[in-house]
Amino acid sequence: MNKMRLEEVIGSGDLKEAIRIIEDVGEKLDHTFTPILLRYLATTDSVLLRNVIAITLADLGDSEAVLPLINLIRNPKTKGNRGTLLYALESFDVSTHVVALVDLLDDTFEASRQSYQLISNMQDKISEAQKDRCKQMIRRKLDDHKNKYKRDFLLESLGLFI
């Protein structure tokens, strides 16, 4: 497999072929593609391409993907399209980024549930200081929400930190 070919295909806008190559990278666990995948993860405007890259990076298991994925979920341009990015984070220890995940508990349905799942999977790795900060954040969010369903979900989420 050729990294230059992937760049050529992405540059030409042939998403179908780019996705095929990226999925092949994931199947073959070709870690030499990690730098190029990280670059396109951060720069592409294609939600589809970004999602395929995120899943492939999760398959590769390179922890250097964590921070770019966290940065993307914090980026306003990914609002409404964060579910797959959060799903990709399940392959990694993201306990140091729990605050960013708590911030998404009142995001879209998919993002909020995926964040909840990530947080619940790492409860034993969260420090008491992190738990206190997260509880404060959730309490502030509760004050801001009038929506019964979001409030109920936030109350349930608060239980993750007790």
C-alpha atoms as a PDB file:
ATOM      1  CA  MET A   1       0.000   0.000   0.000  1.00  0.00           C
ATOM      2  CA  ASN A   2       1.220   3.435  -0.876  1.00  0.00           C
ATOM      3  CA  LYS A   3       0.817   6.576   1.234  1.00  0.00           C
ATOM      4  CA  MET A   4       1.287   8.794  -1.795  1.00  0.00           C
ATOM      5  CA  ARG A   5      -1.592   7.020  -3.510  1.00  0.00           C
ATOM      6  CA  LEU A   6      -3.824   7.771  -0.532  1.00  0.00           C
ATOM      7  CA  GLU A   7      -2.860  11.445  -0.636  1.00  0.00           C
ATOM      8  CA  GLU A   8      -3.465  11.525  -4.376  1.00  0.00           C
ATOM      9  CA  VAL A   9      -6.916   9.964  -4.020  1.00  0.00           C
ATOM     10  CA  ILE A  10      -7.942  12.268  -1.173  1.00  0.00           C
ATOM     11  CA  GLY A  11      -6.629  15.274  -3.096  1.00  0.00           C
ATOM     12  CA  SER A  12      -8.681  14.327  -6.137  1.00  0.00           C
ATOM     13  CA  GLY A  13     -11.839  14.060  -4.029  1.00  0.00           C
ATOM     14  CA  ASP A  14     -12.355  10.345  -4.723  1.00  0.00           C
ATOM     15  CA  LEU A  15     -13.826   9.545  -1.307  1.00  0.00           C
ATOM     16  CA  LYS A  16     -14.915   6.044  -2.289  1.00  0.00           C
ATOM     17  CA  GLU A  17     -11.366   5.016  -3.177  1.00  0.00           C
ATOM     18  CA  ALA A  18      -9.888   6.881  -0.195  1.00  0.00           C
ATOM     19  CA  ILE A  19     -12.242   5.030   2.154  1.00  0.00           C
ATOM     20  CA  ARG A  20     -11.339   1.705   0.551  1.00  0.00           C
ATOM     21  CA  ILE A  21      -7.623   2.381   1.076  1.00  0.00           C
ATOM     22  CA  ILE A  22      -8.117   3.580   4.657  1.00  0.00           C
ATOM     23  CA  GLU A  23     -10.245   0.556   5.548  1.00  0.00           C
ATOM     24  CA  ASP A  24      -7.522  -1.659   4.056  1.00  0.00           C
ATOM     25  CA  VAL A  25      -4.964   0.103   6.273  1.00  0.00           C
ATOM     26  CA  GLY A  26      -7.111  -0.742   9.288  1.00  0.00           C
ATOM     27  CA  GLU A  27      -7.528  -4.380   8.267  1.00  0.00           C
ATOM     28  CA  LYS A  28      -3.803  -4.795   7.703  1.00  0.00           C
ATOM     29  CA  LEU A  29      -2.959  -2.777  10.840  1.00  0.00           C
ATOM     30  CA  ASP A  30      -0.428  -0.761   8.868  1.00  0.00           C
ATOM     31  CA  HIS A  31       0.879   1.684  11.474  1.00  0.00           C
ATOM     32  CA  THR A  32       3.047   3.477   8.928  1.00  0.00           C
ATOM     33  CA  PHE A  33      -0.110   5.312   7.810  1.00  0.00           C
ATOM     34  CA  THR A  34      -0.786   6.820  11.265  1.00  0.00           C
ATOM     35  CA  PRO A  35       0.838  10.220  10.568  1.00  0.00           C
ATOM     36  CA  ILE A  36      -1.044  10.757   7.309  1.00  0.00           C
ATOM     37  CA  LEU A  37      -4.318   9.601   8.873  1.00  0.00           C
ATOM     38  CA  LEU A  38      -3.836  12.004  11.784  1.00  0.00           C
ATOM     39  CA  ARG A  39      -3.179  14.857   9.366  1.00  0.00           C
ATOM     40  CA  TYR A  40      -6.336  14.203   7.359  1.00  0.00           C
ATOM     41  CA  LEU A  41      -8.377  13.563  10.500  1.00  0.00           C
ATOM     42  CA  ALA A  42      -7.647  17.111  11.593  1.00  0.00           C
ATOM     43  CA  THR A  43      -7.961  18.800   8.210  1.00  0.00           C
ATOM     44  CA  THR A  44     -10.760  17.137   6.260  1.00  0.00           C
ATOM     45  CA  ASP A  45     -14.172  18.725   6.050  1.00  0.00           C
ATOM     46  CA  SER A  46     -15.733  15.422   4.998  1.00  0.00           C
ATOM     47  CA  VAL A  47     -17.620  13.883   7.906  1.00  0.00           C
ATOM     48  CA  LEU A  48     -17.570  10.495   6.173  1.00  0.00           C
ATOM     49  CA  LEU A  49     -13.804  10.553   5.608  1.00  0.00           C
ATOM     50  CA  ARG A  50     -13.175  11.813   9.155  1.00  0.00           C
ATOM     51  CA  ASN A  51     -15.280   8.995  10.611  1.00  0.00           C
ATOM     52  CA  VAL A  52     -13.523   6.292   8.587  1.00  0.00           C
ATOM     53  CA  ILE A  53     -10.155   7.682   9.638  1.00  0.00           C
ATOM     54  CA  ALA A  54     -11.221   7.790  13.307  1.00  0.00           C
ATOM     55  CA  ILE A  55     -12.329   4.148  13.232  1.00  0.00           C
ATOM     56  CA  THR A  56      -9.131   3.102  11.470  1.00  0.00           C
ATOM     57  CA  LEU A  57      -7.020   4.930  14.047  1.00  0.00           C
ATOM     58  CA  ALA A  58      -8.955   3.101  16.768  1.00  0.00           C
ATOM     59  CA  ASP A  59      -8.273  -0.192  14.982  1.00  0.00           C
ATOM     60  CA  LEU A  60      -4.577   0.673  14.807  1.00  0.00           C
ATOM     61  CA  GLY A  61      -4.600   1.486  18.529  1.00  0.00           C
ATOM     62  CA  ASP A  62      -1.968   4.212  18.298  1.00  0.00           C
ATOM     63  CA  SER A  63      -2.433   6.346  21.401  1.00  0.00           C
ATOM     64  CA  GLU A  64      -1.175   9.408  19.524  1.00  0.00           C
ATOM     65  CA  ALA A  65      -4.698   9.537  18.041  1.00  0.00           C
ATOM     66  CA  VAL A  66      -6.285  10.417  21.403  1.00  0.00           C
ATOM     67  CA  LEU A  67      -5.469  14.125  21.532  1.00  0.00           C
ATOM     68  CA  PRO A  68      -6.480  14.832  17.905  1.00  0.00           C
ATOM     69  CA  LEU A  69      -9.771  13.004  18.506  1.00  0.00           C
ATOM     70  CA  ILE A  70     -10.376  14.967  21.730  1.00  0.00           C
ATOM     71  CA  ASN A  71      -9.565  18.212  19.915  1.00  0.00           C
ATOM     72  CA  LEU A  72     -12.071  17.334  17.213  1.00  0.00           C
ATOM     73  CA  ILE A  73     -14.895  16.584  19.626  1.00  0.00           C
ATOM     74  CA  ARG A  74     -14.268  19.972  21.198  1.00  0.00           C
ATOM     75  CA  ASN A  75     -14.314  21.698  17.831  1.00  0.00           C
ATOM     76  CA  PRO A  76     -17.652  23.370  17.006  1.00  0.00           C
ATOM     77  CA  LYS A  77     -17.384  22.146  13.394  1.00  0.00           C
ATOM     78  CA  THR A  78     -18.047  18.586  14.579  1.00  0.00           C
ATOM     79  CA  LYS A  79     -21.288  19.399  16.439  1.00  0.00           C
ATOM     80  CA  GLY A  80     -23.874  16.887  15.332  1.00  0.00           C
ATOM     81  CA  ASN A  81     -21.150  14.527  14.066  1.00  0.00           C
ATOM     82  CA  ARG A  82     -19.287  13.469  17.195  1.00  0.00           C
ATOM     83  CA  GLY A  83     -20.690  10.009  17.814  1.00  0.00           C
ATOM     84  CA  THR A  84     -18.162   8.102  15.722  1.00  0.00           C
ATOM     85  CA  LEU A  85     -15.283  10.187  17.063  1.00  0.00           C
ATOM     86  CA  LEU A  86     -16.348   9.311  20.595  1.00  0.00           C
ATOM     87  CA  TYR A  87     -16.828   5.683  19.628  1.00  0.00           C
ATOM     88  CA  ALA A  88     -13.251   5.612  18.316  1.00  0.00           C
ATOM     89  CA  LEU A  89     -12.021   6.796  21.717  1.00  0.00           C
ATOM     90  CA  GLU A  90     -13.324   3.594  23.337  1.00  0.00           C
ATOM     91  CA  SER A  91     -10.126   1.879  22.196  1.00  0.00           C
ATOM     92  CA  PHE A  92      -7.986   4.148  24.350  1.00  0.00           C
ATOM     93  CA  ASP A  93      -7.511   5.232  27.944  1.00  0.00           C
ATOM     94  CA  VAL A  94      -9.059   8.698  27.903  1.00  0.00           C
ATOM     95  CA  SER A  95      -9.408   9.133  31.659  1.00  0.00           C
ATOM     96  CA  THR A  96      -7.231  12.251  31.598  1.00  0.00           C
ATOM     97  CA  HIS A  97      -9.821  13.809  29.267  1.00  0.00           C
ATOM     98  CA  VAL A  98     -12.894  13.054  31.362  1.00  0.00           C
ATOM     99  CA  VAL A  99     -13.736  16.757  31.693  1.00  0.00           C
ATOM    100  CA  ALA A 100     -14.050  17.080  27.908  1.00  0.00           C
ATOM    101  CA  LEU A 101     -16.388  14.092  27.931  1.00  0.00           C
ATOM    102  CA  VAL A 102     -18.518  15.519  30.733  1.00  0.00           C
ATOM    103  CA  ASP A 103     -18.861  18.676  28.688  1.00  0.00           C
ATOM    104  CA  LEU A 104     -20.649  16.585  26.033  1.00  0.00           C
ATOM    105  CA  LEU A 105     -23.242  15.079  28.373  1.00  0.00           C
ATOM    106  CA  ASP A 106     -25.730  17.717  27.228  1.00  0.00           C
ATOM    107  CA  ASP A 107     -24.731  17.615  23.559  1.00  0.00           C
ATOM    108  CA  THR A 108     -26.728  15.764  20.893  1.00  0.00           C
ATOM    109  CA  PHE A 109     -28.396  12.509  21.857  1.00  0.00           C
ATOM    110  CA  GLU A 110     -25.714  10.319  20.276  1.00  0.00           C
ATOM    111  CA  ALA A 111     -22.770  12.319  21.624  1.00  0.00           C
ATOM    112  CA  SER A 112     -24.213  12.529  25.124  1.00  0.00           C
ATOM    113  CA  ARG A 113     -24.847   8.779  25.303  1.00  0.00           C
ATOM    114  CA  GLN A 114     -21.458   7.921  23.835  1.00  0.00           C
ATOM    115  CA  SER A 115     -19.768  10.245  26.347  1.00  0.00           C
ATOM    116  CA  TYR A 116     -21.708   8.614  29.165  1.00  0.00           C
ATOM    117  CA  GLN A 117     -20.562   5.187  27.971  1.00  0.00           C
ATOM    118  CA  LEU A 118     -16.917   6.266  27.832  1.00  0.00           C
ATOM    119  CA  ILE A 119     -17.097   7.790  31.305  1.00  0.00           C
ATOM    120  CA  SER A 120     -18.767   4.741  32.806  1.00  0.00           C
ATOM    121  CA  ASN A 121     -16.088   2.487  31.289  1.00  0.00           C
ATOM    122  CA  MET A 122     -13.278   4.425  32.977  1.00  0.00           C
ATOM    123  CA  GLN A 123     -14.730   5.161  36.398  1.00  0.00           C
ATOM    124  CA  ASP A 124     -11.963   3.290  38.219  1.00  0.00           C
ATOM    125  CA  LYS A 125      -9.302   5.443  36.512  1.00  0.00           C
ATOM    126  CA  ILE A 126     -10.759   8.840  37.441  1.00  0.00           C
ATOM    127  CA  SER A 127      -9.110  10.635  40.350  1.00  0.00           C
ATOM    128  CA  GLU A 128     -11.134  12.142  43.184  1.00  0.00           C
ATOM    129  CA  ALA A 129     -10.116  15.636  42.030  1.00  0.00           C
ATOM    130  CA  GLN A 130     -11.419  14.866  38.523  1.00  0.00           C
ATOM    131  CA  LYS A 131     -14.644  13.477  39.974  1.00  0.00           C
ATOM    132  CA  ASP A 132     -15.169  16.644  42.016  1.00  0.00           C
ATOM    133  CA  ARG A 133     -14.610  18.840  38.987  1.00  0.00           C
ATOM    134  CA  CYS A 134     -16.994  16.723  36.903  1.00  0.00           C
ATOM    135  CA  LYS A 135     -19.687  16.857  39.574  1.00  0.00           C
ATOM    136  CA  GLN A 136     -19.393  20.654  39.640  1.00  0.00           C
ATOM    137  CA  MET A 137     -19.698  20.818  35.858  1.00  0.00           C
ATOM    138  CA  ILE A 138     -22.789  18.621  35.839  1.00  0.00           C
ATOM    139  CA  ARG A 139     -24.424  20.648  38.592  1.00  0.00           C
ATOM    140  CA  ARG A 140     -23.853  23.832  36.573  1.00  0.00           C
ATOM    141  CA  LYS A 141     -25.352  22.150  33.522  1.00  0.00           C
ATOM    142  CA  LEU A 142     -28.376  21.135  35.585  1.00  0.00           C
ATOM    143  CA  ASP A 143     -28.942  24.771  36.512  1.00  0.00           C
ATOM    144  CA  ASP A 144     -28.874  25.736  32.826  1.00  0.00           C
ATOM    145  CA  HIS A 145     -31.319  23.133  31.516  1.00  0.00           C
ATOM    146  CA  LYS A 146     -35.072  23.347  31.608  1.00  0.00           C
ATOM    147  CA  ASN A 147     -35.525  20.287  29.367  1.00  0.00           C
ATOM    148  CA  LYS A 148     -36.775  17.457  31.605  1.00  0.00           C
ATOM    149  CA  TYR A 149     -35.080  14.701  29.614  1.00  0.00           C
ATOM    150  CA  LYS A 150     -31.695  16.393  29.581  1.00  0.00           C
ATOM    151  CA  ARG A 151     -32.019  17.170  33.289  1.00  0.00           C
ATOM    152  CA  ASP A 152     -32.886  13.533  34.052  1.00  0.00           C
ATOM    153  CA  PHE A 153     -29.923  12.337  32.000  1.00  0.00           C
ATOM    154  CA  LEU A 154     -27.592  14.787  33.735  1.00  0.00           C
ATOM    155  CA  LEU A 155     -28.844  13.620  37.130  1.00  0.00           C
ATOM    156  CA  GLU A 156     -28.182  10.047  36.099  1.00  0.00           C
ATOM    157  CA  SER A 157     -24.727  11.061  34.871  1.00  0.00           C
ATOM    158  CA  LEU A 158     -23.985  12.699  38.207  1.00  0.00           C
ATOM    159  CA  GLY A 159     -24.230   9.221  39.718  1.00  0.00           C
ATOM    160  CA  LEU A 160     -21.115   8.191  37.772  1.00  0.00           C
ATOM    161  CA  PHE A 161     -19.016  10.414  40.019  1.00  0.00           C
ATOM    162  CA  ILE A 162     -20.394   9.529  43.441  1.00  0.00           C
END
